[in-house]
Protein backbone atom coordinates (compact mmCIF):
# COMPACT_ATOMS: atom_id res chain seq x y z
CA MET A 1 28.83 24.73 8.13
CA THR A 2 31.62 23.16 10.16
CA VAL A 3 31.20 20.10 12.32
CA LEU A 4 31.26 22.18 15.49
CA GLU A 5 28.55 24.45 14.12
CA GLN A 6 26.13 21.58 13.62
CA PRO A 7 23.51 20.79 16.27
CA GLY A 8 24.37 17.61 18.11
CA SER A 9 28.13 18.06 17.93
CA TYR A 10 30.23 17.61 21.05
CA ARG A 11 32.20 20.70 21.95
CA PRO A 12 35.29 20.85 24.16
CA THR A 13 33.92 23.98 25.83
CA PRO A 14 30.43 24.65 27.25
CA PRO A 15 27.78 24.24 26.11
CA ASN A 16 29.18 20.81 25.43
CA TRP A 17 26.07 19.24 23.94
CA GLN A 18 22.74 20.02 22.38
CA PRO A 19 20.45 17.58 20.57
CA ARG A 20 20.06 17.81 16.81
CA THR A 21 16.31 17.80 17.29
CA ASP A 22 14.14 18.45 20.34
CA PRO A 23 12.71 14.98 21.02
CA ALA A 24 9.69 16.09 23.05
CA PRO A 25 7.42 17.13 20.13
CA LEU A 26 8.28 13.92 18.29
CA LEU A 27 7.06 11.53 20.98
CA PRO A 28 3.73 9.77 20.42
CA ASP A 29 0.84 10.02 22.83
CA ALA A 30 0.78 7.61 25.73
CA GLU A 31 -2.43 5.99 24.41
CA PRO A 32 -3.66 5.33 20.87
CA TYR A 33 -5.73 8.23 19.55
CA ARG A 34 -9.47 7.50 19.36
CA LEU A 35 -12.58 9.31 18.14
CA LEU A 36 -15.47 6.84 17.92
CA GLY A 37 -17.26 6.48 21.23
CA THR A 38 -15.77 9.72 22.59
CA ASP A 39 -17.27 13.21 22.98
CA ALA A 40 -15.17 14.37 20.02
CA ALA A 41 -17.12 12.05 17.71
CA ALA A 42 -20.09 14.42 17.79
CA GLU A 43 -18.08 16.90 15.71
CA LEU A 44 -17.31 14.42 12.93
CA ASP A 45 -18.78 15.00 9.48
CA PRO A 46 -21.84 12.71 9.10
CA GLU A 47 -21.32 12.35 5.34
CA LEU A 48 -17.73 11.23 5.88
CA LEU A 49 -18.80 8.66 8.47
CA VAL A 50 -21.43 7.19 6.15
CA LEU A 51 -18.89 7.07 3.32
CA LEU A 52 -16.36 5.31 5.55
CA TYR A 53 -19.03 2.83 6.68
CA GLY A 54 -19.86 1.87 3.10
CA HIS A 55 -16.20 1.20 2.35
CA LEU A 56 -15.77 -0.83 5.55
CA VAL A 57 -18.73 -3.09 4.79
CA ARG A 58 -17.64 -3.61 1.20
CA GLY A 59 -14.10 -4.24 2.41
CA ARG A 60 -15.25 -6.90 4.86
CA ARG A 61 -17.26 -8.61 2.11
CA TYR A 62 -14.31 -8.33 -0.27
CA ASN A 63 -12.14 -10.14 2.26
CA THR A 64 -14.58 -13.01 2.76
CA GLN A 65 -15.16 -13.39 -0.99
CA ALA A 66 -11.46 -13.36 -1.84
CA THR A 67 -10.80 -15.93 0.89
CA ALA A 68 -13.51 -18.15 -0.60
CA LEU A 69 -11.91 -17.81 -4.03
CA THR A 70 -8.67 -19.25 -2.68
CA ARG A 71 -10.54 -22.33 -1.48
CA GLN A 72 -12.02 -22.70 -4.97
CA GLY A 73 -8.58 -22.53 -6.56
CA ARG A 74 -9.24 -19.18 -8.24
CA LEU A 75 -6.56 -17.42 -6.20
CA ALA A 76 -3.13 -18.82 -5.37
CA VAL A 77 -3.13 -17.03 -2.02
CA TYR A 78 -5.01 -14.26 -0.25
CA PRO A 79 -3.69 -12.37 2.79
CA SER A 80 -6.94 -11.31 4.42
CA SER A 81 -7.21 -7.96 6.17
CA THR A 82 -10.36 -8.84 8.11
CA GLY A 83 -10.21 -6.77 11.28
CA GLN A 84 -7.82 -4.28 9.71
CA GLU A 85 -10.27 -2.68 7.28
CA ALA A 86 -10.31 0.64 9.16
CA CYS A 87 -6.56 1.09 8.70
CA GLN A 88 -6.77 0.69 4.95
CA VAL A 89 -10.02 2.50 4.25
CA GLY A 90 -9.36 5.42 6.59
CA ALA A 91 -5.86 5.95 5.23
CA ALA A 92 -6.67 5.57 1.53
CA LEU A 93 -9.61 7.98 1.66
CA ALA A 94 -7.43 10.62 3.32
CA LEU A 95 -5.25 10.83 0.19
CA ALA A 96 -5.71 13.51 -2.44
CA GLU A 97 -6.19 12.29 -6.00
CA ARG A 98 -2.69 13.48 -6.95
CA ASP A 99 -1.01 11.58 -4.10
CA TRP A 100 0.55 8.12 -4.33
CA LEU A 101 -0.19 4.96 -2.38
CA PHE A 102 2.53 2.36 -1.81
CA PRO A 103 0.77 -0.76 -0.49
CA SER A 104 2.02 -4.05 0.87
CA TYR A 105 0.60 -7.41 -0.20
CA ARG A 106 -2.19 -7.22 2.42
CA ASP A 107 -3.41 -3.78 1.39
CA THR A 108 -5.80 -4.69 -1.43
CA LEU A 109 -8.64 -2.82 0.29
CA ALA A 110 -6.63 0.39 0.30
CA ALA A 111 -5.99 -0.02 -3.42
CA VAL A 112 -9.68 -0.68 -4.13
CA ALA A 113 -10.75 2.28 -1.97
CA ARG A 114 -8.39 4.34 -4.12
CA GLY A 115 -10.46 3.38 -7.17
CA LEU A 116 -8.61 0.30 -8.40
CA ASP A 117 -10.73 -2.38 -10.09
CA PRO A 118 -11.41 -5.14 -7.48
CA VAL A 119 -10.36 -7.87 -9.93
CA GLN A 120 -7.20 -6.04 -10.94
CA ALA A 121 -6.24 -5.78 -7.28
CA LEU A 122 -6.24 -9.61 -7.13
CA THR A 123 -4.43 -10.25 -10.41
CA LEU A 124 -1.01 -10.66 -8.84
CA LEU A 125 -2.43 -12.97 -6.15
CA ARG A 126 -3.92 -15.31 -8.76
CA GLY A 127 -0.47 -15.77 -10.28
CA ASP A 128 -0.91 -13.69 -13.42
CA TRP A 129 1.80 -11.62 -15.00
CA HIS A 130 3.16 -8.35 -13.70
CA THR A 131 0.91 -6.27 -11.45
CA GLY A 132 -2.41 -6.50 -13.24
CA TYR A 133 -2.98 -2.76 -13.35
CA ASP A 134 -1.37 0.47 -14.47
CA PRO A 135 0.14 2.08 -11.34
CA HIS A 136 -0.06 5.55 -12.90
CA GLU A 137 -3.81 5.40 -13.52
CA HIS A 138 -4.80 5.47 -9.86
CA ARG A 139 -1.38 6.35 -8.45
CA VAL A 140 -1.14 3.01 -6.69
CA ALA A 141 2.27 1.35 -6.74
CA PRO A 142 2.39 -2.45 -7.22
CA LEU A 143 1.20 -4.51 -4.27
CA CYS A 144 4.50 -5.45 -2.66
CA THR A 145 5.10 -8.98 -1.39
CA PRO A 146 8.75 -8.60 -0.22
CA LEU A 147 8.61 -6.98 3.20
CA ALA A 148 9.16 -3.21 3.33
CA THR A 149 10.81 -2.88 -0.09
CA GLN A 150 8.08 -0.43 -1.14
CA LEU A 151 9.12 2.04 1.56
CA PRO A 152 12.34 3.34 -0.09
CA HIS A 153 10.40 3.55 -3.37
CA ALA A 154 7.84 5.81 -1.68
CA VAL A 155 10.58 8.02 -0.27
CA GLY A 156 12.25 8.30 -3.66
CA LEU A 157 9.03 9.29 -5.38
CA ALA A 158 8.15 11.81 -2.68
CA HIS A 159 11.63 13.34 -2.70
CA ALA A 160 11.59 13.60 -6.50
CA ALA A 161 8.16 15.26 -6.40
CA ARG A 162 9.43 17.84 -3.91
CA LEU A 163 12.48 18.59 -6.07
CA LYS A 164 10.21 19.08 -9.09
CA GLY A 165 7.82 21.29 -7.14
CA ASP A 166 4.91 18.85 -7.50
CA ASP A 167 2.25 18.96 -4.79
CA VAL A 168 2.41 15.21 -4.13
CA VAL A 169 2.61 13.19 -0.92
CA ALA A 170 3.32 9.46 -0.74
CA LEU A 171 1.61 7.15 1.75
CA ALA A 172 3.62 3.99 2.43
CA MET A 173 1.87 1.12 4.21
CA VAL A 174 3.66 -1.71 6.00
CA GLY A 175 2.99 -4.30 8.68
CA ASP A 176 4.70 -4.58 12.05
CA GLY A 177 6.89 -7.38 10.67
CA GLY A 178 8.20 -5.01 8.02
CA THR A 179 9.68 -2.73 10.70
CA SER A 180 12.29 -5.43 11.35
CA GLU A 181 13.64 -5.11 7.79
CA GLY A 182 16.59 -2.99 6.73
CA ASP A 183 14.47 -1.29 4.08
CA PHE A 184 12.35 0.19 6.87
CA HIS A 185 15.39 1.78 8.50
CA GLU A 186 16.78 3.07 5.21
CA ALA A 187 13.46 4.58 4.16
CA MET A 188 12.89 6.27 7.51
CA ASN A 189 16.38 7.72 7.64
CA PHE A 190 16.39 9.03 4.07
CA ALA A 191 12.90 10.48 4.49
CA ALA A 192 13.83 12.36 7.66
CA VAL A 193 17.15 13.69 6.37
CA TRP A 194 15.58 14.82 3.08
CA ARG A 195 12.36 15.98 4.78
CA ALA A 196 10.55 14.05 2.08
CA PRO A 197 6.75 14.45 1.88
CA VAL A 198 5.95 10.87 2.85
CA VAL A 199 3.79 9.27 5.55
CA PHE A 200 4.59 5.81 6.90
CA LEU A 201 1.59 3.85 8.21
CA VAL A 202 2.49 0.73 10.20
CA GLN A 203 -0.45 -1.62 10.71
CA ASN A 204 0.53 -3.35 13.93
CA ASN A 205 -1.70 -6.43 13.93
CA GLY A 206 0.33 -8.14 16.65
CA PHE A 207 2.12 -10.79 14.60
CA ALA A 208 4.67 -11.07 11.81
CA ILE A 209 3.04 -14.27 10.54
CA SER A 210 3.47 -16.18 13.83
CA VAL A 211 6.12 -14.01 15.54
CA PRO A 212 4.58 -11.72 18.18
CA LEU A 213 5.66 -8.10 18.34
CA ALA A 214 7.43 -8.65 21.69
CA LYS A 215 9.95 -10.87 19.88
CA GLN A 216 10.59 -8.20 17.23
CA THR A 217 11.23 -5.09 19.29
CA ALA A 218 11.76 -3.85 22.83
CA ALA A 219 10.65 -0.31 21.95
CA PRO A 220 7.79 1.20 24.00
CA SER A 221 5.80 1.25 20.76
CA LEU A 222 6.61 1.18 17.06
CA ALA A 223 5.65 4.85 16.93
CA HIS A 224 8.51 5.60 19.34
CA LYS A 225 10.97 4.51 16.65
CA ALA A 226 10.19 7.78 14.87
CA VAL A 227 12.12 9.80 17.47
CA GLY A 228 15.39 8.09 16.58
CA TYR A 229 15.03 9.27 13.00
CA GLY A 230 13.99 12.82 13.86
CA MET A 231 10.36 12.65 12.77
CA PRO A 232 7.13 12.70 14.79
CA GLY A 233 5.48 9.44 15.79
CA ARG A 234 1.73 9.04 16.10
CA LEU A 235 -0.17 6.26 17.81
CA VAL A 236 -3.76 5.60 16.71
CA ASP A 237 -6.46 3.03 17.32
CA GLY A 238 -6.31 1.15 14.02
CA ASN A 239 -9.89 -0.13 14.40
CA ASP A 240 -11.29 3.40 14.71
CA VAL A 241 -11.68 4.39 11.06
CA ALA A 242 -12.46 8.02 11.88
CA ALA A 243 -9.32 8.33 14.02
CA VAL A 244 -7.17 6.72 11.32
CA HIS A 245 -8.61 9.05 8.70
CA ARG A 246 -7.89 12.12 10.84
CA VAL A 247 -4.38 11.15 11.96
CA VAL A 248 -3.30 10.18 8.45
CA GLY A 249 -4.93 13.33 7.06
CA GLU A 250 -3.01 15.50 9.53
CA ALA A 251 0.26 13.77 8.64
CA LEU A 252 -0.42 14.22 4.92
CA ALA A 253 -1.13 17.92 5.45
CA ARG A 254 2.07 18.30 7.45
CA ALA A 255 4.10 16.61 4.72
CA ARG A 256 2.41 18.68 2.00
CA SER A 257 3.28 21.93 3.79
CA GLY A 258 6.98 21.04 3.97
CA GLY A 259 6.98 19.61 7.49
CA GLY A 260 8.54 16.32 6.44
CA PRO A 261 7.64 12.70 7.17
CA THR A 262 5.59 11.13 9.95
CA LEU A 263 5.53 7.58 11.30
CA ILE A 264 2.05 6.39 12.34
CA GLU A 265 1.45 3.16 14.22
CA ALA A 266 -2.12 1.90 13.89
CA VAL A 267 -2.80 -0.67 16.61
CA THR A 268 -5.13 -3.29 15.16
CA TYR A 269 -5.60 -7.06 14.94
CA ARG A 270 -5.72 -9.60 12.14
CA LEU A 271 -8.83 -11.69 12.86
CA ASP A 272 -8.13 -14.21 10.09
CA ALA A 273 -5.02 -16.29 9.58
CA HIS A 274 -1.94 -14.74 7.95
CA THR A 275 -3.00 -16.29 4.63
CA ASN A 276 -5.09 -19.27 3.58
CA ALA A 277 -1.93 -21.39 4.05
CA ASP A 278 -1.51 -20.43 7.72
CA ASP A 279 -2.77 -22.23 10.83
CA ALA A 280 -3.16 -19.37 13.30
CA THR A 281 -4.29 -21.68 16.11
CA ARG A 282 -0.66 -22.74 16.56
CA TYR A 283 0.41 -19.35 17.89
CA ARG A 284 -2.68 -17.62 19.32
CA SER A 285 -5.77 -18.58 21.29
CA ASP A 286 -9.41 -18.42 20.29
CA ALA A 287 -10.06 -16.31 23.39
CA GLU A 288 -7.64 -13.66 22.15
CA VAL A 289 -9.32 -13.52 18.76
CA GLU A 290 -12.78 -13.27 20.34
CA ALA A 291 -11.62 -10.41 22.56
CA TRP A 292 -10.61 -8.46 19.46
CA ARG A 293 -13.90 -9.27 17.74
CA GLY A 294 -15.42 -7.11 20.45
CA HIS A 295 -13.45 -4.21 19.00
CA ASP A 296 -14.49 -4.86 15.40
CA PRO A 297 -13.99 -1.76 13.19
CA VAL A 298 -17.28 -2.26 11.32
CA ALA A 299 -19.27 -2.66 14.54
CA LEU A 300 -17.57 0.37 16.15
CA LEU A 301 -18.60 2.69 13.33
CA GLU A 302 -22.04 1.12 13.02
CA ALA A 303 -22.68 1.77 16.72
CA GLU A 304 -21.64 5.41 16.30
CA LEU A 305 -23.87 5.90 13.26
CA THR A 306 -26.94 4.23 14.73
CA GLY A 307 -26.45 5.92 18.09
CA ARG A 308 -26.46 9.33 16.39
CA LYS A 309 -29.39 8.27 14.15
CA LEU A 310 -27.28 8.75 11.05
CA LEU A 311 -28.00 5.18 9.90
CA ASP A 312 -31.08 2.98 10.21
CA GLU A 313 -31.92 -0.59 9.23
CA ASP A 314 -32.83 0.43 5.68
CA GLY A 315 -29.51 2.22 5.30
CA MET A 316 -27.54 -0.75 6.61
CA ARG A 317 -29.46 -3.10 4.34
CA ALA A 318 -28.68 -0.93 1.32
CA VAL A 319 -24.96 -0.95 2.13
CA ARG A 320 -24.96 -4.73 2.61
CA GLU A 321 -26.80 -5.25 -0.68
CA ASP A 322 -24.26 -3.06 -2.44
CA ALA A 323 -21.48 -5.16 -0.93
CA GLU A 324 -23.19 -8.35 -2.12
CA ARG A 325 -23.42 -6.98 -5.66
CA MET A 326 -19.72 -6.22 -5.54
CA ALA A 327 -18.97 -9.75 -4.32
CA ALA A 328 -21.19 -11.31 -7.00
CA GLY A 329 -19.40 -9.34 -9.70
CA LEU A 330 -16.04 -10.36 -8.25
CA ARG A 331 -17.07 -14.04 -8.27
CA GLU A 332 -18.34 -13.91 -11.81
CA ARG A 333 -15.26 -12.21 -13.21
CA MET A 334 -12.78 -14.29 -11.21
CA ASN A 335 -14.45 -17.49 -12.41
CA GLN A 336 -13.63 -16.60 -16.02
CA ASP A 337 -10.44 -18.29 -17.19
CA PRO A 338 -8.01 -15.63 -18.39
CA VAL A 339 -6.54 -15.88 -21.88
CA LEU A 340 -2.79 -15.86 -21.46
CA ASP A 341 0.06 -15.35 -23.90
CA PRO A 342 3.38 -16.77 -22.61
CA MET A 343 5.26 -14.17 -24.65
CA GLU A 344 3.92 -11.48 -22.33
CA LEU A 345 6.61 -12.61 -19.89
CA PHE A 346 8.92 -10.27 -21.76
CA THR A 347 6.56 -7.29 -21.94
CA HIS A 348 7.13 -4.24 -19.73
CA VAL A 349 10.34 -5.62 -18.18
CA TYR A 350 12.44 -2.88 -19.76
CA ALA A 351 11.56 0.04 -22.03
CA GLU A 352 13.92 -1.57 -24.56
CA GLN A 353 14.59 -5.28 -24.33
CA THR A 354 18.11 -6.34 -23.46
CA ALA A 355 20.05 -8.79 -25.60
CA GLN A 356 19.47 -11.51 -22.99
CA LEU A 357 15.71 -10.94 -23.01
CA ARG A 358 15.62 -11.04 -26.79
CA GLU A 359 17.54 -14.31 -26.72
CA GLN A 360 15.20 -15.80 -24.13
CA ALA A 361 12.12 -14.60 -26.04
CA ALA A 362 13.40 -16.21 -29.22
CA GLN A 363 14.02 -19.48 -27.37
CA LEU A 364 10.51 -19.51 -25.90
CA ARG A 365 8.99 -18.60 -29.27
CA ALA A 366 10.74 -21.57 -30.85
CA GLU A 367 9.59 -23.92 -28.06
CA LEU A 368 5.98 -22.73 -28.44
CA ALA A 369 6.13 -23.16 -32.21
CA ALA A 370 7.41 -26.71 -31.77
CA ALA A 371 4.65 -27.47 -29.27
CA ASP A 372 2.03 -26.06 -31.63
CA GLU A 373 3.15 -28.49 -34.30
CA LEU A 374 2.26 -31.32 -31.91
CA ALA A 375 -0.96 -29.75 -30.60
CA PRO A 376 -1.95 -26.72 -32.70
CA GLY A 377 -3.34 -23.69 -30.89
CA THR A 378 -2.86 -24.89 -27.32
CA HIS A 379 0.05 -22.72 -26.22
CA GLY A 380 -1.18 -19.25 -26.89
CA HIS A 381 1.28 -18.33 -29.61
CA GLY A 382 0.30 -19.64 -32.99
CA PRO A 383 -2.88 -20.11 -35.02
CA GLN A 384 -5.03 -19.54 -31.92
CA GLU A 385 -3.59 -16.78 -29.77
CA GLY A 386 -3.74 -17.37 -26.04
CA ARG A 387 -4.51 -20.32 -23.92
CA GLN A 388 -6.93 -20.75 -21.08
CA ARG A 389 -5.79 -21.63 -17.64
């Protein structure tokens, strides 16, 4: 194909111009898509709604328990997703078992909803080695702290799966702050050009730590950015778990059928601070937070379920008790000091250790042996393997 034969090329003779892609079908709706509280909610599967409710309640309790663990010194940091539970639960439960999830550091609930052990999901945040879980077991990539670096990884996996003929779609989650990173642009562009089976879910909670969205972009919405890459953009109410589940599910089905990537913006709000180290009162008002509490994702679904008589007090009590049991188990296991071996620093870095790693391992082994001579068994590599932290 010559340059002049390609769509979007300027021609010296009429027709001088035609777009590479018709932008109209790619534009997001004018308003975020909603289901709960609308007439369309009556058609939703009751079993799905009850399942989503259970995950939301457990997710909310998980957030409060993990935040408490940071205050007790059991976690180094915890980026709470209180208020954003619907984004993570609705999206994760839309995935097929064979699909992959690429989470950011705030997406522990999505990983747990995918079947990951609740303690393993916190391993990295307590400062332990590596990821704390096998990504292949549940098809959950490592929780990613650097902003947006997981997005190109998701595109690469999805593109490779398509080349191999595997029926796999990748879901890549990122915050609104991550859309300001170069990795976001690179991932979007590669995905669109390759028509990779990947879905990008941006959780727009209003702030990149303390920087409001208005200081990050002048776009009409983050979903509008999709048009510039040649993929559809969707706008959804991120606190409406049923809407998130449907929109993500439709995007996954589109990707699976060969339609290529989709960018979804879920409009939500982070009710807690950015992390336990953040003072959110310096950049937002209590009145703003309280206004968003009136659009709480747990309360929205609970109102739908009780209004349709799909959930009563006994049902809600049972879900809360289940969440408390989960929290109690999380407390008990997180309060156990892990046995650590410093030599594990060199495990799983490469399939075969490099010369430099072997040299460093030998140096550390010698230092530990010397320390054990002074205080036998205290450094986790000697007569008594492991040390407690």
